[in-house]
Amino acid sequence: MTLPELIVFDLDFTLWDCGGTWCDCLSPPFQIRRGRIVDRSGRHVRFYTGVISILDHCDEQRIPTALASRTEQPEWAKELLRLLEATHRFAFSEIYPSSKLKHFAALHRTTGIEFESMLFFDDEMRNIREVSQLGVTSVMVDDGLTLEVFDHGLRQFAANASSDRGNAKG
């Protein structure tokens, strides 16, 4: 199966749950209390259940990963990643309030990887539509990233790559 050269993840409602809200709606300071990362009001921030396994799989397959988040509070998101001990899991990071198109243009410039060689997971349909127009295989995440959704994305990427190769021959 053809694998992507870069897998890009959104944060809120894709990789993590911030107590049912976006990370920029939390109340710092963040702290670890009884083994859990919480904000001032006690909202628990955690990765969805399958995320660590998914990141481990990317590491095992030597597929670089990146973040693309439109959060209004990039420093809060970075602090949460640090507290989750996950900063090192992502080779590239575009975390700032802007269109995902700007994030992907920056990722393309930084990595030299073509859009058609990227796989993207996000929970907002507007982002899926925008990024898909670039040629990125984009997968909608409904309820936090799961192993099933991740596997579906890998299969969709492989099918798109196979289709692209067929079109190039014609």
N, C-alpha and C. Protein backbone atom coordinates (compact mmCIF):
# COMPACT_ATOMS: atom_id res chain seq x y z
N MET A 1 0.85 -1.18 0.00
CA MET A 1 0.00 0.00 0.00
C MET A 1 0.90 1.24 0.00
N THR A 2 0.54 2.21 -0.84
CA THR A 2 1.26 3.48 -0.90
C THR A 2 0.95 4.29 0.35
N LEU A 3 2.00 4.77 1.00
CA LEU A 3 1.83 5.56 2.23
C LEU A 3 2.10 7.04 1.94
N PRO A 4 1.48 7.92 2.71
CA PRO A 4 1.74 9.36 2.54
C PRO A 4 3.17 9.70 2.96
N GLU A 5 3.67 10.80 2.44
CA GLU A 5 4.99 11.29 2.85
C GLU A 5 4.88 12.19 4.07
N LEU A 6 3.67 12.68 4.35
CA LEU A 6 3.42 13.52 5.51
C LEU A 6 1.96 13.35 5.93
N ILE A 7 1.74 13.17 7.23
CA ILE A 7 0.38 13.11 7.77
C ILE A 7 0.20 14.33 8.67
N VAL A 8 -0.86 15.07 8.40
CA VAL A 8 -1.14 16.33 9.09
C VAL A 8 -2.42 16.18 9.91
N PHE A 9 -2.36 16.65 11.14
CA PHE A 9 -3.50 16.55 12.05
C PHE A 9 -3.91 17.92 12.56
N ASP A 10 -5.22 18.12 12.65
CA ASP A 10 -5.78 19.24 13.40
C ASP A 10 -5.69 18.84 14.87
N LEU A 11 -5.90 19.78 15.78
CA LEU A 11 -5.84 19.48 17.21
C LEU A 11 -7.23 19.31 17.84
N ASP A 12 -7.97 20.42 18.00
CA ASP A 12 -9.25 20.38 18.72
C ASP A 12 -10.25 19.45 18.04
N PHE A 13 -10.79 18.55 18.83
CA PHE A 13 -11.81 17.59 18.40
C PHE A 13 -11.29 16.61 17.34
N THR A 14 -9.99 16.63 17.07
CA THR A 14 -9.37 15.66 16.16
C THR A 14 -8.39 14.81 16.96
N LEU A 15 -7.33 15.43 17.50
CA LEU A 15 -6.38 14.68 18.32
C LEU A 15 -6.73 14.72 19.80
N TRP A 16 -7.27 15.83 20.24
CA TRP A 16 -7.54 15.94 21.68
C TRP A 16 -8.92 16.48 21.98
N ASP A 17 -9.32 16.17 23.21
CA ASP A 17 -10.56 16.69 23.79
C ASP A 17 -10.15 17.63 24.91
N CYS A 18 -10.64 18.84 24.87
CA CYS A 18 -10.33 19.85 25.89
C CYS A 18 -11.55 20.11 26.75
N GLY A 19 -12.07 19.06 27.31
CA GLY A 19 -13.24 19.21 28.17
C GLY A 19 -14.48 19.65 27.41
N GLY A 20 -14.57 19.21 26.15
CA GLY A 20 -15.75 19.50 25.35
C GLY A 20 -15.73 20.86 24.68
N THR A 21 -14.58 21.52 24.65
CA THR A 21 -14.48 22.84 24.02
C THR A 21 -13.18 22.92 23.23
N TRP A 22 -12.93 24.06 22.61
CA TRP A 22 -11.67 24.30 21.90
C TRP A 22 -10.62 24.71 22.90
N CYS A 23 -9.36 24.47 22.57
CA CYS A 23 -8.30 24.80 23.54
C CYS A 23 -8.23 26.29 23.82
N ASP A 24 -8.64 27.13 22.87
CA ASP A 24 -8.57 28.56 23.13
C ASP A 24 -9.74 29.07 23.97
N CYS A 25 -10.63 28.17 24.37
CA CYS A 25 -11.72 28.52 25.29
C CYS A 25 -11.44 28.04 26.72
N LEU A 26 -10.27 27.45 26.93
CA LEU A 26 -9.89 26.99 28.26
C LEU A 26 -9.48 28.18 29.12
N SER A 27 -9.19 27.90 30.39
CA SER A 27 -8.77 28.94 31.33
C SER A 27 -7.42 28.57 31.94
N PRO A 28 -6.33 29.12 31.40
CA PRO A 28 -5.03 28.85 32.01
C PRO A 28 -4.99 29.42 33.43
N PRO A 29 -4.05 29.03 34.24
CA PRO A 29 -2.92 28.17 33.89
C PRO A 29 -3.33 26.70 33.82
N PHE A 30 -2.53 25.96 33.05
CA PHE A 30 -2.72 24.52 32.93
C PHE A 30 -1.80 23.84 33.93
N GLN A 31 -2.27 22.73 34.46
CA GLN A 31 -1.45 22.01 35.43
C GLN A 31 -1.78 20.53 35.39
N ILE A 32 -0.89 19.77 35.97
CA ILE A 32 -1.15 18.34 36.12
C ILE A 32 -1.63 18.13 37.54
N ARG A 33 -2.86 17.63 37.65
CA ARG A 33 -3.48 17.38 38.93
C ARG A 33 -3.94 15.93 38.97
N ARG A 34 -3.42 15.16 39.91
CA ARG A 34 -3.76 13.73 40.03
C ARG A 34 -3.57 13.00 38.71
N GLY A 35 -2.48 13.31 38.00
CA GLY A 35 -2.15 12.62 36.76
C GLY A 35 -2.93 13.08 35.54
N ARG A 36 -3.73 14.13 35.70
CA ARG A 36 -4.54 14.64 34.59
C ARG A 36 -4.17 16.09 34.31
N ILE A 37 -4.16 16.45 33.04
CA ILE A 37 -3.91 17.84 32.66
C ILE A 37 -5.26 18.56 32.71
N VAL A 38 -5.29 19.64 33.48
CA VAL A 38 -6.53 20.41 33.65
C VAL A 38 -6.24 21.90 33.53
N ASP A 39 -7.30 22.63 33.20
CA ASP A 39 -7.19 24.09 33.22
C ASP A 39 -7.64 24.59 34.59
N ARG A 40 -7.67 25.90 34.77
CA ARG A 40 -8.04 26.49 36.07
C ARG A 40 -9.40 26.04 36.55
N SER A 41 -10.35 25.83 35.62
CA SER A 41 -11.70 25.43 36.03
C SER A 41 -11.84 23.92 36.18
N GLY A 42 -10.76 23.18 35.95
CA GLY A 42 -10.79 21.73 36.13
C GLY A 42 -11.13 20.95 34.87
N ARG A 43 -11.25 21.62 33.72
CA ARG A 43 -11.51 20.90 32.47
C ARG A 43 -10.31 20.04 32.11
N HIS A 44 -10.59 18.79 31.83
CA HIS A 44 -9.57 17.79 31.55
C HIS A 44 -9.20 17.82 30.07
N VAL A 45 -7.91 17.90 29.78
CA VAL A 45 -7.39 17.88 28.41
C VAL A 45 -6.70 16.54 28.20
N ARG A 46 -7.12 15.83 27.14
CA ARG A 46 -6.54 14.50 26.90
C ARG A 46 -6.59 14.18 25.42
N PHE A 47 -5.66 13.33 25.00
CA PHE A 47 -5.74 12.79 23.65
C PHE A 47 -6.88 11.80 23.60
N TYR A 48 -7.52 11.69 22.43
CA TYR A 48 -8.51 10.64 22.25
C TYR A 48 -7.81 9.28 22.35
N THR A 49 -8.57 8.25 22.66
CA THR A 49 -8.04 6.94 23.02
C THR A 49 -7.02 6.36 22.04
N GLY A 50 -7.27 6.42 20.74
CA GLY A 50 -6.37 5.77 19.79
C GLY A 50 -5.20 6.61 19.32
N VAL A 51 -5.11 7.86 19.75
CA VAL A 51 -4.13 8.79 19.18
C VAL A 51 -2.69 8.35 19.41
N ILE A 52 -2.34 7.92 20.60
CA ILE A 52 -0.95 7.52 20.86
C ILE A 52 -0.58 6.33 19.98
N SER A 53 -1.48 5.37 19.82
CA SER A 53 -1.21 4.22 18.93
C SER A 53 -1.02 4.68 17.49
N ILE A 54 -1.81 5.65 17.07
CA ILE A 54 -1.70 6.19 15.71
C ILE A 54 -0.34 6.87 15.52
N LEU A 55 0.07 7.67 16.49
CA LEU A 55 1.37 8.33 16.40
C LEU A 55 2.50 7.32 16.45
N ASP A 56 2.35 6.28 17.25
CA ASP A 56 3.35 5.20 17.28
C ASP A 56 3.46 4.54 15.91
N HIS A 57 2.32 4.29 15.27
CA HIS A 57 2.31 3.68 13.94
C HIS A 57 3.05 4.57 12.94
N CYS A 58 2.80 5.87 12.99
CA CYS A 58 3.51 6.79 12.09
C CYS A 58 5.01 6.72 12.33
N ASP A 59 5.42 6.68 13.60
CA ASP A 59 6.85 6.55 13.92
C ASP A 59 7.42 5.25 13.36
N GLU A 60 6.71 4.14 13.58
CA GLU A 60 7.18 2.84 13.10
C GLU A 60 7.33 2.81 11.58
N GLN A 61 6.42 3.47 10.88
CA GLN A 61 6.45 3.51 9.42
C GLN A 61 7.35 4.63 8.89
N ARG A 62 7.92 5.39 9.81
CA ARG A 62 8.79 6.53 9.46
C ARG A 62 8.06 7.57 8.59
N ILE A 63 6.81 7.81 8.93
CA ILE A 63 6.02 8.83 8.25
C ILE A 63 6.04 10.08 9.13
N PRO A 64 6.62 11.17 8.63
CA PRO A 64 6.61 12.40 9.44
C PRO A 64 5.19 12.90 9.66
N THR A 65 4.98 13.54 10.80
CA THR A 65 3.67 14.08 11.13
C THR A 65 3.79 15.59 11.36
N ALA A 66 2.65 16.27 11.17
CA ALA A 66 2.61 17.71 11.35
C ALA A 66 1.27 18.10 11.98
N LEU A 67 1.24 19.28 12.53
CA LEU A 67 0.03 19.85 13.09
C LEU A 67 -0.37 21.07 12.27
N ALA A 68 -1.68 21.23 12.07
CA ALA A 68 -2.23 22.42 11.43
C ALA A 68 -3.46 22.82 12.24
N SER A 69 -3.29 23.87 13.04
CA SER A 69 -4.38 24.29 13.92
C SER A 69 -4.59 25.80 13.77
N ARG A 70 -5.87 26.19 13.70
CA ARG A 70 -6.24 27.59 13.55
C ARG A 70 -6.53 28.25 14.90
N THR A 71 -6.05 27.71 15.97
CA THR A 71 -6.39 28.24 17.29
C THR A 71 -6.00 29.71 17.44
N GLU A 72 -6.82 30.42 18.20
CA GLU A 72 -6.54 31.82 18.51
C GLU A 72 -5.50 31.96 19.62
N GLN A 73 -5.17 30.83 20.27
CA GLN A 73 -4.20 30.85 21.37
C GLN A 73 -3.09 29.82 21.11
N PRO A 74 -2.21 30.09 20.14
CA PRO A 74 -1.17 29.12 19.80
C PRO A 74 -0.27 28.73 20.97
N GLU A 75 0.03 29.70 21.84
CA GLU A 75 0.91 29.37 22.97
C GLU A 75 0.24 28.40 23.94
N TRP A 76 -1.07 28.51 24.10
CA TRP A 76 -1.79 27.56 24.96
C TRP A 76 -1.71 26.17 24.36
N ALA A 77 -1.93 26.07 23.04
CA ALA A 77 -1.86 24.76 22.38
C ALA A 77 -0.47 24.15 22.54
N LYS A 78 0.56 24.96 22.38
CA LYS A 78 1.94 24.45 22.53
C LYS A 78 2.21 24.00 23.96
N GLU A 79 1.68 24.75 24.92
CA GLU A 79 1.83 24.37 26.33
C GLU A 79 1.13 23.03 26.61
N LEU A 80 -0.06 22.85 26.06
CA LEU A 80 -0.77 21.59 26.25
C LEU A 80 -0.02 20.43 25.61
N LEU A 81 0.54 20.65 24.43
CA LEU A 81 1.35 19.60 23.79
C LEU A 81 2.54 19.23 24.67
N ARG A 82 3.17 20.25 25.27
CA ARG A 82 4.30 19.98 26.16
C ARG A 82 3.85 19.17 27.37
N LEU A 83 2.74 19.57 27.98
CA LEU A 83 2.24 18.84 29.15
C LEU A 83 1.82 17.41 28.80
N LEU A 84 1.33 17.22 27.58
CA LEU A 84 0.97 15.87 27.12
C LEU A 84 2.19 15.07 26.67
N GLU A 85 3.37 15.70 26.77
CA GLU A 85 4.63 15.08 26.38
C GLU A 85 4.59 14.61 24.93
N ALA A 86 4.07 15.48 24.06
CA ALA A 86 3.86 15.08 22.66
C ALA A 86 4.54 16.01 21.66
N THR A 87 5.16 17.06 22.11
CA THR A 87 5.77 18.02 21.18
C THR A 87 6.70 17.32 20.20
N HIS A 88 7.50 16.39 20.68
CA HIS A 88 8.49 15.70 19.84
C HIS A 88 7.84 14.78 18.80
N ARG A 89 6.56 14.50 18.93
CA ARG A 89 5.88 13.58 18.01
C ARG A 89 5.61 14.21 16.65
N PHE A 90 5.75 15.52 16.54
CA PHE A 90 5.38 16.24 15.31
C PHE A 90 6.60 16.96 14.75
N ALA A 91 6.99 16.56 13.54
CA ALA A 91 8.17 17.15 12.90
C ALA A 91 7.91 18.59 12.47
N PHE A 92 6.66 18.91 12.20
CA PHE A 92 6.31 20.25 11.69
C PHE A 92 5.05 20.72 12.41
N SER A 93 4.96 22.03 12.56
CA SER A 93 3.83 22.56 13.32
C SER A 93 3.44 23.93 12.78
N GLU A 94 2.20 24.05 12.36
CA GLU A 94 1.63 25.32 11.92
C GLU A 94 0.42 25.58 12.82
N ILE A 95 0.66 26.32 13.90
CA ILE A 95 -0.37 26.58 14.90
C ILE A 95 -0.51 28.09 15.05
N TYR A 96 -1.53 28.65 14.40
CA TYR A 96 -1.81 30.07 14.47
C TYR A 96 -3.16 30.32 13.80
N PRO A 97 -3.82 31.44 14.14
CA PRO A 97 -5.13 31.72 13.57
C PRO A 97 -4.99 32.14 12.10
N SER A 98 -5.43 31.28 11.23
CA SER A 98 -5.40 31.55 9.79
C SER A 98 -6.10 30.42 9.07
N SER A 99 -6.23 30.56 7.78
CA SER A 99 -6.82 29.52 6.95
C SER A 99 -5.89 28.30 6.91
N LYS A 100 -6.50 27.14 6.81
CA LYS A 100 -5.70 25.92 6.65
C LYS A 100 -4.92 25.97 5.34
N LEU A 101 -5.39 26.75 4.38
CA LEU A 101 -4.64 26.89 3.13
C LEU A 101 -3.27 27.50 3.39
N LYS A 102 -3.21 28.47 4.29
CA LYS A 102 -1.93 29.08 4.66
C LYS A 102 -1.06 28.06 5.39
N HIS A 103 -1.66 27.27 6.27
CA HIS A 103 -0.90 26.24 6.98
C HIS A 103 -0.28 25.26 6.00
N PHE A 104 -1.07 24.81 5.03
CA PHE A 104 -0.57 23.82 4.08
C PHE A 104 0.45 24.41 3.11
N ALA A 105 0.28 25.67 2.74
CA ALA A 105 1.30 26.32 1.90
C ALA A 105 2.63 26.36 2.65
N ALA A 106 2.58 26.68 3.94
CA ALA A 106 3.80 26.70 4.75
C ALA A 106 4.41 25.31 4.89
N LEU A 107 3.58 24.31 5.10
CA LEU A 107 4.09 22.93 5.19
C LEU A 107 4.74 22.50 3.89
N HIS A 108 4.13 22.85 2.77
CA HIS A 108 4.70 22.51 1.46
C HIS A 108 6.06 23.21 1.28
N ARG A 109 6.13 24.50 1.62
CA ARG A 109 7.39 25.24 1.50
C ARG A 109 8.47 24.64 2.40
N THR A 110 8.10 24.34 3.63
CA THR A 110 9.07 23.83 4.61
C THR A 110 9.57 22.44 4.27
N THR A 111 8.67 21.57 3.84
CA THR A 111 9.02 20.16 3.64
C THR A 111 9.40 19.83 2.21
N GLY A 112 8.91 20.59 1.25
CA GLY A 112 9.10 20.25 -0.16
C GLY A 112 8.20 19.10 -0.61
N ILE A 113 7.30 18.66 0.25
CA ILE A 113 6.40 17.55 -0.07
C ILE A 113 5.20 18.09 -0.84
N GLU A 114 4.88 17.42 -1.93
CA GLU A 114 3.73 17.82 -2.75
C GLU A 114 2.43 17.55 -2.00
N PHE A 115 1.43 18.38 -2.27
CA PHE A 115 0.13 18.22 -1.61
C PHE A 115 -0.45 16.83 -1.82
N GLU A 116 -0.27 16.27 -3.01
CA GLU A 116 -0.81 14.95 -3.34
C GLU A 116 -0.17 13.83 -2.50
N SER A 117 0.94 14.14 -1.84
CA SER A 117 1.63 13.15 -1.00
C SER A 117 1.32 13.33 0.48
N MET A 118 0.33 14.18 0.78
CA MET A 118 -0.05 14.45 2.17
C MET A 118 -1.42 13.85 2.48
N LEU A 119 -1.59 13.48 3.75
CA LEU A 119 -2.86 13.00 4.28
C LEU A 119 -3.22 13.89 5.46
N PHE A 120 -4.49 14.33 5.52
CA PHE A 120 -4.92 15.31 6.51
C PHE A 120 -6.17 14.84 7.23
N PHE A 121 -6.20 15.02 8.55
CA PHE A 121 -7.36 14.68 9.38
C PHE A 121 -7.83 15.94 10.10
N ASP A 122 -9.15 16.20 10.02
CA ASP A 122 -9.73 17.39 10.65
C ASP A 122 -11.20 17.12 10.96
N ASP A 123 -11.73 17.87 11.93
CA ASP A 123 -13.13 17.68 12.33
C ASP A 123 -14.06 18.72 11.71
N GLU A 124 -13.55 19.65 10.91
CA GLU A 124 -14.40 20.68 10.32
C GLU A 124 -14.48 20.51 8.81
N MET A 125 -15.70 20.39 8.31
CA MET A 125 -15.90 20.15 6.88
C MET A 125 -15.35 21.29 6.03
N ARG A 126 -15.43 22.53 6.50
CA ARG A 126 -14.89 23.63 5.69
C ARG A 126 -13.39 23.47 5.47
N ASN A 127 -12.67 22.96 6.46
CA ASN A 127 -11.24 22.72 6.30
C ASN A 127 -10.98 21.55 5.35
N ILE A 128 -11.80 20.51 5.46
CA ILE A 128 -11.67 19.36 4.56
C ILE A 128 -11.86 19.81 3.12
N ARG A 129 -12.90 20.60 2.87
CA ARG A 129 -13.17 21.08 1.50
C ARG A 129 -12.03 21.93 0.97
N GLU A 130 -11.58 22.90 1.76
CA GLU A 130 -10.50 23.80 1.33
C GLU A 130 -9.23 23.03 1.00
N VAL A 131 -8.80 22.20 1.92
CA VAL A 131 -7.52 21.50 1.77
C VAL A 131 -7.60 20.46 0.65
N SER A 132 -8.75 19.83 0.49
CA SER A 132 -8.93 18.85 -0.59
C SER A 132 -8.69 19.49 -1.95
N GLN A 133 -9.07 20.75 -2.10
CA GLN A 133 -8.89 21.44 -3.37
C GLN A 133 -7.42 21.59 -3.75
N LEU A 134 -6.54 21.49 -2.76
CA LEU A 134 -5.10 21.54 -3.04
C LEU A 134 -4.58 20.22 -3.61
N GLY A 135 -5.38 19.15 -3.45
CA GLY A 135 -4.93 17.82 -3.85
C GLY A 135 -4.53 16.94 -2.68
N VAL A 136 -4.71 17.45 -1.46
CA VAL A 136 -4.41 16.69 -0.24
C VAL A 136 -5.55 15.72 0.02
N THR A 137 -5.24 14.46 0.31
CA THR A 137 -6.28 13.52 0.75
C THR A 137 -6.71 13.96 2.14
N SER A 138 -7.97 14.36 2.27
CA SER A 138 -8.47 14.95 3.52
C SER A 138 -9.61 14.11 4.06
N VAL A 139 -9.53 13.79 5.34
CA VAL A 139 -10.47 12.87 5.97
C VAL A 139 -11.17 13.56 7.13
N MET A 140 -12.50 13.48 7.10
CA MET A 140 -13.33 14.06 8.15
C MET A 140 -13.29 13.19 9.40
N VAL A 141 -13.10 13.83 10.54
CA VAL A 141 -13.09 13.17 11.85
C VAL A 141 -14.33 13.63 12.59
N ASP A 142 -15.23 12.70 12.89
CA ASP A 142 -16.50 13.08 13.53
C ASP A 142 -16.43 13.17 15.04
N ASP A 143 -15.76 12.25 15.67
CA ASP A 143 -15.82 12.15 17.13
C ASP A 143 -14.45 11.87 17.72
N GLY A 144 -13.45 12.61 17.30
CA GLY A 144 -12.08 12.33 17.72
C GLY A 144 -11.48 11.24 16.85
N LEU A 145 -10.20 11.37 16.55
CA LEU A 145 -9.52 10.41 15.69
C LEU A 145 -9.48 9.03 16.34
N THR A 146 -9.92 8.04 15.57
CA THR A 146 -9.89 6.64 16.02
C THR A 146 -8.99 5.85 15.08
N LEU A 147 -8.62 4.65 15.50
CA LEU A 147 -7.83 3.78 14.64
C LEU A 147 -8.58 3.46 13.35
N GLU A 148 -9.91 3.29 13.45
CA GLU A 148 -10.72 2.99 12.26
C GLU A 148 -10.69 4.15 11.26
N VAL A 149 -10.84 5.36 11.75
CA VAL A 149 -10.81 6.53 10.87
C VAL A 149 -9.41 6.69 10.27
N PHE A 150 -8.39 6.46 11.07
CA PHE A 150 -7.01 6.55 10.58
C PHE A 150 -6.76 5.52 9.48
N ASP A 151 -7.16 4.28 9.70
CA ASP A 151 -7.00 3.24 8.68
C ASP A 151 -7.78 3.58 7.41
N HIS A 152 -8.98 4.11 7.57
CA HIS A 152 -9.77 4.55 6.42
C HIS A 152 -8.99 5.61 5.63
N GLY A 153 -8.37 6.55 6.34
CA GLY A 153 -7.59 7.60 5.70
C GLY A 153 -6.41 7.03 4.93
N LEU A 154 -5.71 6.06 5.51
CA LEU A 154 -4.58 5.43 4.81
C LEU A 154 -5.06 4.72 3.54
N ARG A 155 -6.20 4.03 3.64
CA ARG A 155 -6.74 3.35 2.45
C ARG A 155 -7.17 4.36 1.38
N GLN A 156 -7.79 5.45 1.82
CA GLN A 156 -8.22 6.48 0.88
C GLN A 156 -7.01 7.12 0.19
N PHE A 157 -5.96 7.36 0.98
CA PHE A 157 -4.74 7.94 0.39
C PHE A 157 -4.16 6.98 -0.66
N ALA A 158 -4.07 5.71 -0.33
CA ALA A 158 -3.53 4.71 -1.27
C ALA A 158 -4.38 4.65 -2.54
N ALA A 159 -5.69 4.70 -2.39
CA ALA A 159 -6.58 4.66 -3.56
C ALA A 159 -6.37 5.91 -4.41
N ASN A 160 -6.25 7.07 -3.79
CA ASN A 160 -6.01 8.30 -4.53
C ASN A 160 -4.66 8.26 -5.23
N ALA A 161 -3.65 7.74 -4.56
CA ALA A 161 -2.31 7.65 -5.16
C ALA A 161 -2.33 6.72 -6.36
N SER A 162 -3.06 5.61 -6.25
CA SER A 162 -3.17 4.65 -7.35
C SER A 162 -3.90 5.30 -8.53
N SER A 163 -4.95 6.04 -8.23
CA SER A 163 -5.72 6.73 -9.26
C SER A 163 -4.87 7.79 -9.95
N ASP A 164 -4.07 8.52 -9.18
CA ASP A 164 -3.20 9.56 -9.75
C ASP A 164 -2.17 8.95 -10.69
N ARG A 165 -1.62 7.79 -10.30
CA ARG A 165 -0.62 7.12 -11.16
C ARG A 165 -1.29 6.67 -12.46
N GLY A 166 -2.51 6.16 -12.37
CA GLY A 166 -3.22 5.74 -13.56
C GLY A 166 -3.51 6.90 -14.50
N ASN A 167 -3.86 8.05 -13.91
CA ASN A 167 -4.13 9.24 -14.72
C ASN A 167 -2.86 9.78 -15.37
N ALA A 168 -1.73 9.63 -14.70
CA ALA A 168 -0.48 10.13 -15.27
C ALA A 168 -0.06 9.30 -16.47
N LYS A 169 -0.42 8.02 -16.50
CA LYS A 169 -0.05 7.15 -17.63
C LYS A 169 -0.89 7.45 -18.85
N GLY A 170 -2.13 7.90 -18.62
CA GLY A 170 -3.08 8.09 -19.71
C GLY A 170 -2.76 9.31 -20.49
